[in-house]
Amino acid sequence: MLRKYLARIYVTLRPSVLDPAGTAVQSGLSHMGYDNVEHVRIGKYIELHLTAVDEKTATEQLDRMCNRLLANPTIENYRFDLKEVAVEMGASM
């Protein structure tokens, strides 16, 4: 029996990496009168559905996806939330 999961993945630059896009957004906000905004960092949000036999397997698959494609481990960190959304009866891997 396979379980269906919703993964919400957050990818951010490592703190030691400069973020020119964040700097540009902060500058733009300041020019719009939002002088109270500081330390803007730009990242990525990814949502996907996957099926797996259990949460441990889904977590391991997500770690591999993030390390190989969704994030650049050299300059980015990632974290994800995983939520079971359905169970598929009679499915096989």
C-alpha atoms as a PDB file:
ATOM      1  CA  MET A   1       0.000   0.000   0.000  1.00  0.00           C
ATOM      2  CA  LEU A   2       1.501   3.306  -1.083  1.00  0.00           C
ATOM      3  CA  ARG A   3       0.939   6.540   0.768  1.00  0.00           C
ATOM      4  CA  LYS A   4       0.707   9.898  -0.943  1.00  0.00           C
ATOM      5  CA  TYR A   5       2.595  12.817   0.588  1.00  0.00           C
ATOM      6  CA  LEU A   6       2.661  16.552   0.045  1.00  0.00           C
ATOM      7  CA  ALA A   7       6.158  18.001   0.382  1.00  0.00           C
ATOM      8  CA  ARG A   8       6.788  21.693   0.928  1.00  0.00           C
ATOM      9  CA  ILE A   9      10.451  22.442   0.264  1.00  0.00           C
ATOM     10  CA  TYR A  10      12.202  25.669   1.265  1.00  0.00           C
ATOM     11  CA  VAL A  11      15.577  26.442  -0.341  1.00  0.00           C
ATOM     12  CA  THR A  12      17.643  29.369   0.948  1.00  0.00           C
ATOM     13  CA  LEU A  13      21.130  30.670   0.381  1.00  0.00           C
ATOM     14  CA  ARG A  14      23.641  29.766   3.055  1.00  0.00           C
ATOM     15  CA  PRO A  15      24.251  32.684   5.437  1.00  0.00           C
ATOM     16  CA  SER A  16      27.825  33.090   4.150  1.00  0.00           C
ATOM     17  CA  VAL A  17      26.649  33.583   0.525  1.00  0.00           C
ATOM     18  CA  LEU A  18      25.929  37.104  -0.696  1.00  0.00           C
ATOM     19  CA  ASP A  19      22.378  37.665  -1.922  1.00  0.00           C
ATOM     20  CA  PRO A  20      22.312  40.417  -4.580  1.00  0.00           C
ATOM     21  CA  ALA A  21      18.620  39.765  -5.318  1.00  0.00           C
ATOM     22  CA  GLY A  22      17.787  40.241  -1.643  1.00  0.00           C
ATOM     23  CA  THR A  23      19.818  43.452  -1.583  1.00  0.00           C
ATOM     24  CA  ALA A  24      17.954  44.736  -4.655  1.00  0.00           C
ATOM     25  CA  VAL A  25      14.570  43.934  -3.106  1.00  0.00           C
ATOM     26  CA  GLN A  26      15.542  45.614   0.154  1.00  0.00           C
ATOM     27  CA  SER A  27      16.675  48.702  -1.763  1.00  0.00           C
ATOM     28  CA  GLY A  28      13.429  48.764  -3.748  1.00  0.00           C
ATOM     29  CA  LEU A  29      11.355  48.491  -0.595  1.00  0.00           C
ATOM     30  CA  SER A  30      13.362  51.302   0.977  1.00  0.00           C
ATOM     31  CA  HIS A  31      12.695  53.517  -2.061  1.00  0.00           C
ATOM     32  CA  MET A  32       8.986  52.742  -1.640  1.00  0.00           C
ATOM     33  CA  GLY A  33       9.123  54.060   1.921  1.00  0.00           C
ATOM     34  CA  TYR A  34       9.583  50.759   3.772  1.00  0.00           C
ATOM     35  CA  ASP A  35      12.677  51.800   5.705  1.00  0.00           C
ATOM     36  CA  ASN A  36      11.851  49.360   8.492  1.00  0.00           C
ATOM     37  CA  VAL A  37      12.797  46.278   6.374  1.00  0.00           C
ATOM     38  CA  GLU A  38      16.227  44.725   6.927  1.00  0.00           C
ATOM     39  CA  HIS A  39      18.202  41.639   5.884  1.00  0.00           C
ATOM     40  CA  VAL A  40      16.130  40.507   2.889  1.00  0.00           C
ATOM     41  CA  ARG A  41      17.079  37.056   1.578  1.00  0.00           C
ATOM     42  CA  ILE A  42      15.542  35.515  -1.528  1.00  0.00           C
ATOM     43  CA  GLY A  43      14.902  31.779  -1.741  1.00  0.00           C
ATOM     44  CA  LYS A  44      12.783  29.169  -3.503  1.00  0.00           C
ATOM     45  CA  TYR A  45       9.587  27.427  -2.436  1.00  0.00           C
ATOM     46  CA  ILE A  46       8.749  24.108  -4.091  1.00  0.00           C
ATOM     47  CA  GLU A  47       5.653  21.996  -3.589  1.00  0.00           C
ATOM     48  CA  LEU A  48       5.338  18.448  -4.889  1.00  0.00           C
ATOM     49  CA  HIS A  49       3.349  15.274  -4.335  1.00  0.00           C
ATOM     50  CA  LEU A  50       5.056  11.907  -4.112  1.00  0.00           C
ATOM     51  CA  THR A  51       4.103   8.364  -3.246  1.00  0.00           C
ATOM     52  CA  ALA A  52       6.091   6.083  -0.970  1.00  0.00           C
ATOM     53  CA  VAL A  53       5.533   3.058   1.232  1.00  0.00           C
ATOM     54  CA  ASP A  54       6.140   5.099   4.394  1.00  0.00           C
ATOM     55  CA  GLU A  55       7.297   8.484   5.692  1.00  0.00           C
ATOM     56  CA  LYS A  56      10.907   7.341   6.166  1.00  0.00           C
ATOM     57  CA  THR A  57      11.168   6.341   2.496  1.00  0.00           C
ATOM     58  CA  ALA A  58       9.548   9.599   1.368  1.00  0.00           C
ATOM     59  CA  THR A  59      11.981  11.585   3.526  1.00  0.00           C
ATOM     60  CA  GLU A  60      14.984   9.719   2.093  1.00  0.00           C
ATOM     61  CA  GLN A  61      13.734  10.335  -1.466  1.00  0.00           C
ATOM     62  CA  LEU A  62      13.218  14.043  -0.768  1.00  0.00           C
ATOM     63  CA  ASP A  63      16.727  14.355   0.663  1.00  0.00           C
ATOM     64  CA  ARG A  64      18.150  12.817  -2.521  1.00  0.00           C
ATOM     65  CA  MET A  65      15.995  15.071  -4.754  1.00  0.00           C
ATOM     66  CA  CYS A  66      17.105  18.174  -2.887  1.00  0.00           C
ATOM     67  CA  ASN A  67      20.791  17.238  -2.875  1.00  0.00           C
ATOM     68  CA  ARG A  68      20.827  16.274  -6.563  1.00  0.00           C
ATOM     69  CA  LEU A  69      18.508  18.786  -8.241  1.00  0.00           C
ATOM     70  CA  LEU A  70      16.294  21.069  -6.177  1.00  0.00           C
ATOM     71  CA  ALA A  71      19.077  22.757  -4.182  1.00  0.00           C
ATOM     72  CA  ASN A  72      22.749  23.464  -4.763  1.00  0.00           C
ATOM     73  CA  PRO A  73      24.336  22.068  -1.567  1.00  0.00           C
ATOM     74  CA  THR A  74      27.445  24.188  -2.099  1.00  0.00           C
ATOM     75  CA  ILE A  75      25.623  27.502  -1.644  1.00  0.00           C
ATOM     76  CA  GLU A  76      22.093  26.605  -0.482  1.00  0.00           C
ATOM     77  CA  ASN A  77      20.400  25.036   2.515  1.00  0.00           C
ATOM     78  CA  TYR A  78      17.059  23.296   2.328  1.00  0.00           C
ATOM     79  CA  ARG A  79      14.387  22.018   4.639  1.00  0.00           C
ATOM     80  CA  PHE A  80      11.032  20.452   3.977  1.00  0.00           C
ATOM     81  CA  ASP A  81       7.714  19.678   5.586  1.00  0.00           C
ATOM     82  CA  LEU A  82       6.109  16.373   4.696  1.00  0.00           C
ATOM     83  CA  LYS A  83       2.409  15.658   5.168  1.00  0.00           C
ATOM     84  CA  GLU A  84       0.539  12.481   4.326  1.00  0.00           C
ATOM     85  CA  VAL A  85      -2.473  13.309   2.184  1.00  0.00           C
ATOM     86  CA  ALA A  86      -3.827   9.911   1.053  1.00  0.00           C
ATOM     87  CA  VAL A  87      -3.329   6.168   0.981  1.00  0.00           C
ATOM     88  CA  GLU A  88      -3.525   4.401  -2.379  1.00  0.00           C
ATOM     89  CA  MET A  89      -4.988   0.917  -2.046  1.00  0.00           C
ATOM     90  CA  GLY A  90      -3.668  -1.834  -4.267  1.00  0.00           C
ATOM     91  CA  ALA A  91      -0.788   0.230  -5.661  1.00  0.00           C
ATOM     92  CA  SER A  92       2.569  -1.403  -6.209  1.00  0.00           C
ATOM     93  CA  MET A  93       6.024   0.081  -6.567  1.00  0.00           C
END
